[in-house]
C-alpha atoms as a PDB file:
ATOM      1  CA  UNK A   1      10.342  49.394  19.071  1.00  0.00           C
ATOM      2  CA  UNK A   2      10.625  46.203  21.055  1.00  0.00           C
ATOM      3  CA  UNK A   3      11.060  46.759  24.751  1.00  0.00           C
ATOM      4  CA  UNK A   4      13.995  45.042  26.403  1.00  0.00           C
ATOM      5  CA  UNK A   5      13.135  42.501  29.042  1.00  0.00           C
ATOM      6  CA  UNK A   6      14.023  43.403  32.586  1.00  0.00           C
ATOM      7  CA  UNK A   7      16.199  41.146  34.712  1.00  0.00           C
ATOM      8  CA  UNK A   8      13.172  39.919  36.678  1.00  0.00           C
ATOM      9  CA  UNK A   9      11.284  39.110  33.484  1.00  0.00           C
ATOM     10  CA  UNK A  10      14.261  37.158  32.149  1.00  0.00           C
ATOM     11  CA  UNK A  11      14.560  35.211  35.407  1.00  0.00           C
ATOM     12  CA  UNK A  12      10.850  34.372  35.367  1.00  0.00           C
ATOM     13  CA  UNK A  13      11.040  33.336  31.720  1.00  0.00           C
ATOM     14  CA  UNK A  14      13.980  30.986  32.216  1.00  0.00           C
ATOM     15  CA  UNK A  15      12.501  29.612  35.433  1.00  0.00           C
ATOM     16  CA  UNK A  16       9.260  28.812  33.625  1.00  0.00           C
ATOM     17  CA  UNK A  17      11.127  27.131  30.762  1.00  0.00           C
ATOM     18  CA  UNK A  18      13.273  25.078  33.144  1.00  0.00           C
ATOM     19  CA  UNK A  19      10.220  24.053  35.161  1.00  0.00           C
ATOM     20  CA  UNK A  20       8.393  22.956  32.023  1.00  0.00           C
ATOM     21  CA  UNK A  21      11.460  21.046  30.802  1.00  0.00           C
ATOM     22  CA  UNK A  22      11.555  19.246  34.137  1.00  0.00           C
ATOM     23  CA  UNK A  23       7.881  18.259  33.813  1.00  0.00           C
ATOM     24  CA  UNK A  24       8.424  16.990  30.256  1.00  0.00           C
ATOM     25  CA  UNK A  25      11.731  15.181  30.784  1.00  0.00           C
ATOM     26  CA  UNK A  26      11.194  13.682  34.247  1.00  0.00           C
ATOM     27  CA  UNK A  27       8.941  10.810  33.005  1.00  0.00           C
ATOM     28  CA  UNK A  28      11.695   9.786  30.587  1.00  0.00           C
ATOM     29  CA  UNK A  29      14.254   9.890  33.400  1.00  0.00           C
ATOM     30  CA  UNK A  30      11.913   7.791  35.550  1.00  0.00           C
ATOM     31  CA  UNK A  31      11.580   5.221  32.772  1.00  0.00           C
ATOM     32  CA  UNK A  32      15.343   5.145  32.253  1.00  0.00           C
ATOM     33  CA  UNK A  33      16.172   4.638  35.935  1.00  0.00           C
ATOM     34  CA  UNK A  34      13.452   2.001  36.314  1.00  0.00           C
ATOM     35  CA  UNK A  35      14.787   0.090  33.303  1.00  0.00           C
ATOM     36  CA  UNK A  36      18.228  -0.247  34.930  1.00  0.00           C
ATOM     37  CA  UNK A  37      17.023  -1.199  38.409  1.00  0.00           C
ATOM     38  CA  UNK A  38      16.969  -4.674  39.850  1.00  0.00           C
ATOM     39  CA  UNK A  39      13.634  -6.169  40.841  1.00  0.00           C
ATOM     40  CA  UNK A  40      14.404  -5.586  44.508  1.00  0.00           C
ATOM     41  CA  UNK A  41      15.258  -1.914  43.889  1.00  0.00           C
ATOM     42  CA  UNK A  42      11.953  -1.377  42.098  1.00  0.00           C
ATOM     43  CA  UNK A  43       9.977  -2.967  44.938  1.00  0.00           C
ATOM     44  CA  UNK A  44      11.651  -0.737  47.515  1.00  0.00           C
ATOM     45  CA  UNK A  45       9.952   2.358  46.166  1.00  0.00           C
ATOM     46  CA  UNK A  46      11.055   5.392  44.155  1.00  0.00           C
ATOM     47  CA  UNK A  47      14.819   5.739  43.887  1.00  0.00           C
ATOM     48  CA  UNK A  48      16.277   8.338  41.567  1.00  0.00           C
ATOM     49  CA  UNK A  49      20.082   8.374  41.665  1.00  0.00           C
ATOM     50  CA  UNK A  50      22.095   5.368  40.464  1.00  0.00           C
ATOM     51  CA  UNK A  51      25.547   4.667  41.888  1.00  0.00           C
ATOM     52  CA  UNK A  52      28.335   3.645  39.533  1.00  0.00           C
ATOM     53  CA  UNK A  53      32.088   3.250  39.495  1.00  0.00           C
ATOM     54  CA  UNK A  54      34.084   6.176  38.098  1.00  0.00           C
ATOM     55  CA  UNK A  55      36.934   4.885  35.900  1.00  0.00           C
ATOM     56  CA  UNK A  56      40.515   5.919  36.626  1.00  0.00           C
ATOM     57  CA  UNK A  57      39.597   7.150  40.130  1.00  0.00           C
ATOM     58  CA  UNK A  58      40.488   5.096  43.194  1.00  0.00           C
ATOM     59  CA  UNK A  59      40.272   5.652  46.919  1.00  0.00           C
ATOM     60  CA  UNK A  60      42.072   4.123  49.890  1.00  0.00           C
ATOM     61  CA  UNK A  61      39.902   1.957  52.136  1.00  0.00           C
ATOM     62  CA  UNK A  62      40.393   1.319  55.850  1.00  0.00           C
ATOM     63  CA  UNK A  63      42.931  -1.434  55.179  1.00  0.00           C
ATOM     64  CA  UNK A  64      45.025   0.810  52.964  1.00  0.00           C
ATOM     65  CA  UNK A  65      43.973  -0.874  49.715  1.00  0.00           C
ATOM     66  CA  UNK A  66      43.066   1.007  46.555  1.00  0.00           C
ATOM     67  CA  UNK A  67      39.467   0.404  45.473  1.00  0.00           C
ATOM     68  CA  UNK A  68      37.497   1.932  42.573  1.00  0.00           C
ATOM     69  CA  UNK A  69      35.602   5.056  43.525  1.00  0.00           C
ATOM     70  CA  UNK A  70      31.816   4.571  43.480  1.00  0.00           C
ATOM     71  CA  UNK A  71      29.492   7.561  43.379  1.00  0.00           C
ATOM     72  CA  UNK A  72      26.870   7.782  46.124  1.00  0.00           C
ATOM     73  CA  UNK A  73      23.404   6.786  44.926  1.00  0.00           C
ATOM     74  CA  UNK A  74      20.133   5.097  45.773  1.00  0.00           C
ATOM     75  CA  UNK A  75      20.616   1.886  43.797  1.00  0.00           C
ATOM     76  CA  UNK A  76      23.150  -0.081  41.762  1.00  0.00           C
ATOM     77  CA  UNK A  77      22.211  -0.091  38.053  1.00  0.00           C
ATOM     78  CA  UNK A  78      22.013  -3.211  35.944  1.00  0.00           C
ATOM     79  CA  UNK A  79      21.739  -3.746  32.206  1.00  0.00           C
ATOM     80  CA  UNK A  80      20.144  -7.191  32.436  1.00  0.00           C
ATOM     81  CA  UNK A  81      16.679  -6.014  31.368  1.00  0.00           C
ATOM     82  CA  UNK A  82      18.049  -4.308  28.257  1.00  0.00           C
ATOM     83  CA  UNK A  83      20.088  -7.406  27.472  1.00  0.00           C
ATOM     84  CA  UNK A  84      16.949  -9.550  27.722  1.00  0.00           C
ATOM     85  CA  UNK A  85      15.082  -7.111  25.507  1.00  0.00           C
ATOM     86  CA  UNK A  86      17.610  -7.416  22.669  1.00  0.00           C
ATOM     87  CA  UNK A  87      18.422 -11.116  23.068  1.00  0.00           C
ATOM     88  CA  UNK A  88      15.717 -13.261  24.643  1.00  0.00           C
ATOM     89  CA  UNK A  89      12.756 -11.148  23.453  1.00  0.00           C
ATOM     90  CA  UNK A  90      14.353  -9.698  20.330  1.00  0.00           C
ATOM     91  CA  UNK A  91      12.198 -11.529  17.776  1.00  0.00           C
ATOM     92  CA  UNK A  92       8.947 -10.495  19.440  1.00  0.00           C
ATOM     93  CA  UNK A  93      10.002  -6.870  19.856  1.00  0.00           C
ATOM     94  CA  UNK A  94      11.323  -6.612  16.303  1.00  0.00           C
ATOM     95  CA  UNK A  95       8.103  -8.041  14.868  1.00  0.00           C
ATOM     96  CA  UNK A  96       5.873  -5.552  16.664  1.00  0.00           C
ATOM     97  CA  UNK A  97       8.295  -2.715  16.012  1.00  0.00           C
ATOM     98  CA  UNK A  98       8.164  -3.554  12.310  1.00  0.00           C
ATOM     99  CA  UNK A  99       4.343  -3.579  12.412  1.00  0.00           C
ATOM    100  CA  UNK A 100       4.291  -0.087  13.917  1.00  0.00           C
ATOM    101  CA  UNK A 101       6.826   1.135  11.385  1.00  0.00           C
ATOM    102  CA  UNK A 102       4.859  -0.237   8.419  1.00  0.00           C
ATOM    103  CA  UNK A 103       1.519   1.163   9.612  1.00  0.00           C
ATOM    104  CA  UNK A 104       2.918   4.584  10.555  1.00  0.00           C
ATOM    105  CA  UNK A 105       5.088   4.998   7.441  1.00  0.00           C
ATOM    106  CA  UNK A 106       2.399   3.797   5.033  1.00  0.00           C
ATOM    107  CA  UNK A 107      -0.318   6.042   6.450  1.00  0.00           C
ATOM    108  CA  UNK A 108       2.058   9.019   6.559  1.00  0.00           C
ATOM    109  CA  UNK A 109       3.023   8.614   2.904  1.00  0.00           C
ATOM    110  CA  UNK A 110      -0.601   8.286   1.799  1.00  0.00           C
ATOM    111  CA  UNK A 111      -1.664  11.263   3.921  1.00  0.00           C
ATOM    112  CA  UNK A 112       1.118  13.366   2.393  1.00  0.00           C
ATOM    113  CA  UNK A 113       0.252  12.428  -1.191  1.00  0.00           C
ATOM    114  CA  UNK A 114      -3.518  12.805  -0.912  1.00  0.00           C
ATOM    115  CA  UNK A 115      -3.398  15.725   1.519  1.00  0.00           C
ATOM    116  CA  UNK A 116      -0.987  17.785  -0.587  1.00  0.00           C
ATOM    117  CA  UNK A 117      -3.031  17.254  -3.747  1.00  0.00           C
ATOM    118  CA  UNK A 118      -6.313  18.078  -2.000  1.00  0.00           C
ATOM    119  CA  UNK A 119      -4.781  21.090  -0.287  1.00  0.00           C
ATOM    120  CA  UNK A 120      -3.394  22.344  -3.585  1.00  0.00           C
ATOM    121  CA  UNK A 121      -6.792  21.952  -5.246  1.00  0.00           C
ATOM    122  CA  UNK A 122      -8.545  23.902  -2.488  1.00  0.00           C
ATOM    123  CA  UNK A 123      -5.877  26.608  -2.687  1.00  0.00           C
ATOM    124  CA  UNK A 124      -5.653  27.108  -6.448  1.00  0.00           C
ATOM    125  CA  UNK A 125      -9.097  26.181  -7.798  1.00  0.00           C
ATOM    126  CA  UNK A 126     -12.583  27.442  -6.998  1.00  0.00           C
ATOM    127  CA  UNK A 127     -15.251  24.950  -5.982  1.00  0.00           C
ATOM    128  CA  UNK A 128     -18.913  25.530  -5.335  1.00  0.00           C
ATOM    129  CA  UNK A 129     -21.419  22.998  -4.078  1.00  0.00           C
ATOM    130  CA  UNK A 130     -24.667  24.382  -5.409  1.00  0.00           C
ATOM    131  CA  UNK A 131     -27.162  22.508  -3.267  1.00  0.00           C
ATOM    132  CA  UNK A 132     -25.549  23.556  -0.004  1.00  0.00           C
ATOM    133  CA  UNK A 133     -24.016  26.791  -1.207  1.00  0.00           C
ATOM    134  CA  UNK A 134     -20.561  25.655  -0.093  1.00  0.00           C
ATOM    135  CA  UNK A 135     -17.340  27.177  -1.389  1.00  0.00           C
ATOM    136  CA  UNK A 136     -13.679  26.331  -0.703  1.00  0.00           C
ATOM    137  CA  UNK A 137     -13.798  27.647   2.859  1.00  0.00           C
ATOM    138  CA  UNK A 138     -16.825  25.545   3.746  1.00  0.00           C
ATOM    139  CA  UNK A 139     -15.321  22.439   2.157  1.00  0.00           C
ATOM    140  CA  UNK A 140     -12.033  22.923   4.045  1.00  0.00           C
ATOM    141  CA  UNK A 141     -13.896  23.403   7.315  1.00  0.00           C
ATOM    142  CA  UNK A 142     -15.968  20.285   6.651  1.00  0.00           C
ATOM    143  CA  UNK A 143     -12.769  18.300   6.078  1.00  0.00           C
ATOM    144  CA  UNK A 144     -11.146  19.419   9.339  1.00  0.00           C
ATOM    145  CA  UNK A 145     -14.443  18.950  11.224  1.00  0.00           C
ATOM    146  CA  UNK A 146     -14.049  15.201  10.721  1.00  0.00           C
ATOM    147  CA  UNK A 147     -11.459  15.328  13.506  1.00  0.00           C
ATOM    148  CA  UNK A 148     -13.874  16.966  15.948  1.00  0.00           C
ATOM    149  CA  UNK A 149     -15.544  13.679  16.850  1.00  0.00           C
ATOM    150  CA  UNK A 150     -13.664  11.157  19.017  1.00  0.00           C
ATOM    151  CA  UNK A 151     -12.288   8.210  17.011  1.00  0.00           C
ATOM    152  CA  UNK A 152     -13.921   5.761  19.435  1.00  0.00           C
ATOM    153  CA  UNK A 153     -17.297   6.489  17.803  1.00  0.00           C
ATOM    154  CA  UNK A 154     -16.195   4.775  14.595  1.00  0.00           C
ATOM    155  CA  UNK A 155     -14.738   1.585  16.052  1.00  0.00           C
ATOM    156  CA  UNK A 156     -17.862  -0.539  15.479  1.00  0.00           C
ATOM    157  CA  UNK A 157     -18.360   0.590  11.846  1.00  0.00           C
ATOM    158  CA  UNK A 158     -14.694  -0.128  11.161  1.00  0.00           C
ATOM    159  CA  UNK A 159     -15.024  -3.599  12.674  1.00  0.00           C
ATOM    160  CA  UNK A 160     -18.089  -4.410  10.575  1.00  0.00           C
ATOM    161  CA  UNK A 161     -16.570  -3.126   7.335  1.00  0.00           C
ATOM    162  CA  UNK A 162     -13.159  -4.684   7.946  1.00  0.00           C
ATOM    163  CA  UNK A 163     -14.643  -8.076   8.805  1.00  0.00           C
ATOM    164  CA  UNK A 164     -16.510  -8.064   5.477  1.00  0.00           C
ATOM    165  CA  UNK A 165     -13.428  -7.004   3.505  1.00  0.00           C
ATOM    166  CA  UNK A 166     -10.983  -9.286   5.299  1.00  0.00           C
ATOM    167  CA  UNK A 167      -8.854  -6.412   6.620  1.00  0.00           C
ATOM    168  CA  UNK A 168      -8.803  -7.472  10.267  1.00  0.00           C
ATOM    169  CA  UNK A 169      -5.260  -8.046  11.565  1.00  0.00           C
ATOM    170  CA  UNK A 170      -3.577  -6.708   8.401  1.00  0.00           C
ATOM    171  CA  UNK A 171      -1.078  -3.943   7.772  1.00  0.00           C
ATOM    172  CA  UNK A 172      -3.214  -2.511   4.983  1.00  0.00           C
ATOM    173  CA  UNK A 173      -6.191  -2.245   7.345  1.00  0.00           C
ATOM    174  CA  UNK A 174      -4.221  -0.175   9.841  1.00  0.00           C
ATOM    175  CA  UNK A 175      -2.756   1.991   7.071  1.00  0.00           C
ATOM    176  CA  UNK A 176      -6.218   2.782   5.682  1.00  0.00           C
ATOM    177  CA  UNK A 177      -7.619   3.628   9.122  1.00  0.00           C
ATOM    178  CA  UNK A 178      -4.689   5.842  10.101  1.00  0.00           C
ATOM    179  CA  UNK A 179      -4.714   7.590   6.719  1.00  0.00           C
ATOM    180  CA  UNK A 180      -8.364   8.527   7.178  1.00  0.00           C
ATOM    181  CA  UNK A 181      -7.580  10.134  10.529  1.00  0.00           C
ATOM    182  CA  UNK A 182      -4.460  11.909   9.262  1.00  0.00           C
ATOM    183  CA  UNK A 183      -5.996  13.306   6.081  1.00  0.00           C
ATOM    184  CA  UNK A 184      -8.041  16.192   7.590  1.00  0.00           C
ATOM    185  CA  UNK A 185      -4.974  17.555   9.333  1.00  0.00           C
ATOM    186  CA  UNK A 186      -2.825  17.135   6.215  1.00  0.00           C
ATOM    187  CA  UNK A 187      -5.340  18.855   3.914  1.00  0.00           C
ATOM    188  CA  UNK A 188      -5.905  21.759   6.300  1.00  0.00           C
ATOM    189  CA  UNK A 189      -2.208  22.469   6.918  1.00  0.00           C
ATOM    190  CA  UNK A 190      -1.132  22.071   3.276  1.00  0.00           C
ATOM    191  CA  UNK A 191      -4.007  24.239   2.011  1.00  0.00           C
ATOM    192  CA  UNK A 192      -2.990  27.122   4.259  1.00  0.00           C
ATOM    193  CA  UNK A 193       0.647  26.584   3.349  1.00  0.00           C
ATOM    194  CA  UNK A 194      -0.096  26.716  -0.393  1.00  0.00           C
ATOM    195  CA  UNK A 195      -2.124  29.890   0.172  1.00  0.00           C
ATOM    196  CA  UNK A 196       1.065  31.527   1.425  1.00  0.00           C
ATOM    197  CA  UNK A 197       3.021  30.719  -1.748  1.00  0.00           C
ATOM    198  CA  UNK A 198       2.908  33.272  -4.613  1.00  0.00           C
ATOM    199  CA  UNK A 199       0.900  31.928  -7.524  1.00  0.00           C
ATOM    200  CA  UNK A 200       3.068  33.954  -9.926  1.00  0.00           C
ATOM    201  CA  UNK A 201       5.800  31.316  -9.703  1.00  0.00           C
ATOM    202  CA  UNK A 202       3.499  28.664 -11.138  1.00  0.00           C
ATOM    203  CA  UNK A 203       2.107  31.011 -13.767  1.00  0.00           C
ATOM    204  CA  UNK A 204       5.624  31.856 -14.943  1.00  0.00           C
ATOM    205  CA  UNK A 205       6.471  28.164 -15.244  1.00  0.00           C
ATOM    206  CA  UNK A 206       3.291  27.444 -17.186  1.00  0.00           C
ATOM    207  CA  UNK A 207       3.992  30.366 -19.538  1.00  0.00           C
ATOM    208  CA  UNK A 208       7.346  28.734 -20.264  1.00  0.00           C
ATOM    209  CA  UNK A 209       5.538  25.523 -21.256  1.00  0.00           C
ATOM    210  CA  UNK A 210       5.260  23.583 -18.003  1.00  0.00           C
ATOM    211  CA  UNK A 211       2.001  21.819 -17.255  1.00  0.00           C
ATOM    212  CA  UNK A 212       0.041  22.283 -14.049  1.00  0.00           C
ATOM    213  CA  UNK A 213       1.314  18.943 -12.764  1.00  0.00           C
ATOM    214  CA  UNK A 214       4.933  19.825 -13.581  1.00  0.00           C
ATOM    215  CA  UNK A 215       4.618  23.181 -11.836  1.00  0.00           C
ATOM    216  CA  UNK A 216       3.115  21.462  -8.813  1.00  0.00           C
ATOM    217  CA  UNK A 217       5.826  18.792  -8.603  1.00  0.00           C
ATOM    218  CA  UNK A 218       8.883  20.895  -9.428  1.00  0.00           C
ATOM    219  CA  UNK A 219       8.009  24.294  -7.978  1.00  0.00           C
ATOM    220  CA  UNK A 220       5.242  24.121  -5.395  1.00  0.00           C
ATOM    221  CA  UNK A 221       6.253  20.959  -3.543  1.00  0.00           C
ATOM    222  CA  UNK A 222       9.951  21.898  -3.091  1.00  0.00           C
ATOM    223  CA  UNK A 223       8.898  25.284  -1.698  1.00  0.00           C
ATOM    224  CA  UNK A 224       6.447  23.504   0.595  1.00  0.00           C
ATOM    225  CA  UNK A 225       9.067  21.238   2.181  1.00  0.00           C
ATOM    226  CA  UNK A 226       8.654  22.678   5.731  1.00  0.00           C
ATOM    227  CA  UNK A 227       4.900  22.133   5.589  1.00  0.00           C
ATOM    228  CA  UNK A 228       5.311  18.618   4.218  1.00  0.00           C
ATOM    229  CA  UNK A 229       7.776  17.728   6.965  1.00  0.00           C
ATOM    230  CA  UNK A 230       5.482  19.126   9.670  1.00  0.00           C
ATOM    231  CA  UNK A 231       2.525  17.145   8.347  1.00  0.00           C
ATOM    232  CA  UNK A 232       4.645  14.015   7.991  1.00  0.00           C
ATOM    233  CA  UNK A 233       5.925  14.181  11.563  1.00  0.00           C
ATOM    234  CA  UNK A 234       2.534  14.774  13.148  1.00  0.00           C
ATOM    235  CA  UNK A 235       0.943  12.055  11.028  1.00  0.00           C
ATOM    236  CA  UNK A 236       3.738   9.627  11.874  1.00  0.00           C
ATOM    237  CA  UNK A 237       3.550  10.364  15.602  1.00  0.00           C
ATOM    238  CA  UNK A 238      -0.229   9.892  15.670  1.00  0.00           C
ATOM    239  CA  UNK A 239      -0.013   6.601  13.788  1.00  0.00           C
ATOM    240  CA  UNK A 240       2.932   5.358  15.837  1.00  0.00           C
ATOM    241  CA  UNK A 241       1.249   6.076  19.192  1.00  0.00           C
ATOM    242  CA  UNK A 242      -2.323   5.090  18.264  1.00  0.00           C
ATOM    243  CA  UNK A 243      -3.688   2.386  20.550  1.00  0.00           C
ATOM    244  CA  UNK A 244      -7.470   1.980  20.259  1.00  0.00           C
ATOM    245  CA  UNK A 245      -7.705   0.971  16.589  1.00  0.00           C
ATOM    246  CA  UNK A 246      -4.533  -1.087  16.797  1.00  0.00           C
ATOM    247  CA  UNK A 247      -6.148  -3.008  19.662  1.00  0.00           C
ATOM    248  CA  UNK A 248      -9.538  -3.499  18.003  1.00  0.00           C
ATOM    249  CA  UNK A 249      -8.396  -4.180  14.429  1.00  0.00           C
ATOM    250  CA  UNK A 250      -5.512  -6.584  15.117  1.00  0.00           C
ATOM    251  CA  UNK A 251      -5.264 -10.041  16.681  1.00  0.00           C
ATOM    252  CA  UNK A 252      -1.716 -11.330  16.258  1.00  0.00           C
ATOM    253  CA  UNK A 253       0.076 -10.629  12.984  1.00  0.00           C
ATOM    254  CA  UNK A 254      -0.278  -6.803  12.880  1.00  0.00           C
ATOM    255  CA  UNK A 255      -0.096  -5.942  16.589  1.00  0.00           C
ATOM    256  CA  UNK A 256       1.826  -2.683  17.107  1.00  0.00           C
ATOM    257  CA  UNK A 257       4.114  -1.491  19.886  1.00  0.00           C
ATOM    258  CA  UNK A 258       1.454   0.350  21.980  1.00  0.00           C
ATOM    259  CA  UNK A 259      -0.659  -2.816  22.141  1.00  0.00           C
ATOM    260  CA  UNK A 260       2.395  -4.907  23.021  1.00  0.00           C
ATOM    261  CA  UNK A 261       3.341  -2.548  25.863  1.00  0.00           C
ATOM    262  CA  UNK A 262      -0.209  -2.371  27.217  1.00  0.00           C
ATOM    263  CA  UNK A 263      -0.462  -6.165  27.282  1.00  0.00           C
ATOM    264  CA  UNK A 264       2.707  -6.809  29.245  1.00  0.00           C
ATOM    265  CA  UNK A 265       0.926  -6.974  32.598  1.00  0.00           C
ATOM    266  CA  UNK A 266      -1.279  -9.783  31.315  1.00  0.00           C
ATOM    267  CA  UNK A 267       1.505 -11.811  29.702  1.00  0.00           C
ATOM    268  CA  UNK A 268       4.403 -11.273  32.132  1.00  0.00           C
ATOM    269  CA  UNK A 269       2.898  -9.838  35.283  1.00  0.00           C
ATOM    270  CA  UNK A 270       3.892  -6.492  36.713  1.00  0.00           C
ATOM    271  CA  UNK A 271       7.489  -6.243  35.494  1.00  0.00           C
ATOM    272  CA  UNK A 272       7.959  -2.484  35.521  1.00  0.00           C
ATOM    273  CA  UNK A 273      11.664  -2.782  34.722  1.00  0.00           C
ATOM    274  CA  UNK A 274      11.019  -4.614  31.452  1.00  0.00           C
ATOM    275  CA  UNK A 275       8.022  -2.424  30.563  1.00  0.00           C
ATOM    276  CA  UNK A 276      10.165   0.688  31.065  1.00  0.00           C
ATOM    277  CA  UNK A 277      12.873  -0.605  28.734  1.00  0.00           C
ATOM    278  CA  UNK A 278      10.259  -1.577  26.139  1.00  0.00           C
ATOM    279  CA  UNK A 279       8.582   1.843  26.379  1.00  0.00           C
ATOM    280  CA  UNK A 280      11.858   3.688  25.861  1.00  0.00           C
ATOM    281  CA  UNK A 281      12.529   1.519  22.822  1.00  0.00           C
ATOM    282  CA  UNK A 282       9.149   2.482  21.372  1.00  0.00           C
ATOM    283  CA  UNK A 283       9.582   6.192  22.135  1.00  0.00           C
ATOM    284  CA  UNK A 284      13.150   6.496  20.848  1.00  0.00           C
ATOM    285  CA  UNK A 285      12.395   6.705  17.073  1.00  0.00           C
ATOM    286  CA  UNK A 286       9.813   9.458  17.516  1.00  0.00           C
ATOM    287  CA  UNK A 287      12.094  11.469  19.807  1.00  0.00           C
ATOM    288  CA  UNK A 288      15.029  11.185  17.396  1.00  0.00           C
ATOM    289  CA  UNK A 289      12.910  12.206  14.403  1.00  0.00           C
ATOM    290  CA  UNK A 290      11.457  15.139  16.335  1.00  0.00           C
ATOM    291  CA  UNK A 291      14.881  16.387  17.407  1.00  0.00           C
ATOM    292  CA  UNK A 292      16.354  16.082  13.921  1.00  0.00           C
ATOM    293  CA  UNK A 293      13.444  17.833  12.182  1.00  0.00           C
ATOM    294  CA  UNK A 294      12.389  20.233  14.937  1.00  0.00           C
ATOM    295  CA  UNK A 295      13.198  23.358  12.934  1.00  0.00           C
ATOM    296  CA  UNK A 296      11.073  22.140  10.038  1.00  0.00           C
ATOM    297  CA  UNK A 297       8.130  21.588  12.375  1.00  0.00           C
ATOM    298  CA  UNK A 298       8.263  25.184  13.597  1.00  0.00           C
ATOM    299  CA  UNK A 299       8.711  26.641  10.128  1.00  0.00           C
ATOM    300  CA  UNK A 300       5.959  24.492   8.671  1.00  0.00           C
ATOM    301  CA  UNK A 301       3.364  25.355  11.287  1.00  0.00           C
ATOM    302  CA  UNK A 302       4.179  29.075  11.315  1.00  0.00           C
ATOM    303  CA  UNK A 303       4.249  29.348   7.541  1.00  0.00           C
ATOM    304  CA  UNK A 304       1.069  27.306   7.207  1.00  0.00           C
ATOM    305  CA  UNK A 305      -0.723  29.616   9.597  1.00  0.00           C
ATOM    306  CA  UNK A 306      -0.051  32.682   7.418  1.00  0.00           C
ATOM    307  CA  UNK A 307      -2.410  33.085   4.529  1.00  0.00           C
ATOM    308  CA  UNK A 308      -1.286  34.890   1.440  1.00  0.00           C
END
């Protein structure tokens, strides 16, 4: 039987969770407060609490006049930097945002398609590489071992190959590169997820006349939705946040949001207020997707870790 937690254990557990939440969320709060500060407020050092007027609440000043109540704080917030981001610099931000979206979405879709098919093959069929004596387990380990090496080792080969093929500064070049890095993770997770699904469901469908492809598309994939979502989110996040290859393989047309943010100091100077607003804009889609699909991430990783 499970032992009930004592009061002290519960307090320690919640204190640890709250402390970790503070560590995770404080950088976002810092970015938010910096993005609504004036230039003078930023130069004065770290200030954390904004002051703002509370609607429908007034106080009486020394002269007996009613004035809006303003909360005590360290600085007066301003929305000028956000206004500049969506008006003056809108075209530039939208272009780079679109580049990141195309590269991340394209590589995620390809990783899902190829990774699910490869994972299904390693789960349902037997392979044997005679010369090396490899079976399915060795092949799967070899696939995931491609992520053991740091991606920086392959920058020069990518540059040489891409320059020959004309893929420098193209969306397709980024999609191919990101797909190659996402595939090992996709194959490994989907293979373990398929291992946890009963093969009898497919055999019953094939007895009724369905082909292997039909059984895979109509039975296996719908049951594997949590694993597919988990793989899709992690692949998307990696592609969206990737910086090194986006820097080396793009010049102007296909520059993504991480490269744009990193280059702000060179193009604008040290404008932390604008950089903070731009960073929050880049982080927002990933945070929203993660919050909406958080339960699928947990189910996909847990289910994929259990072998049938």
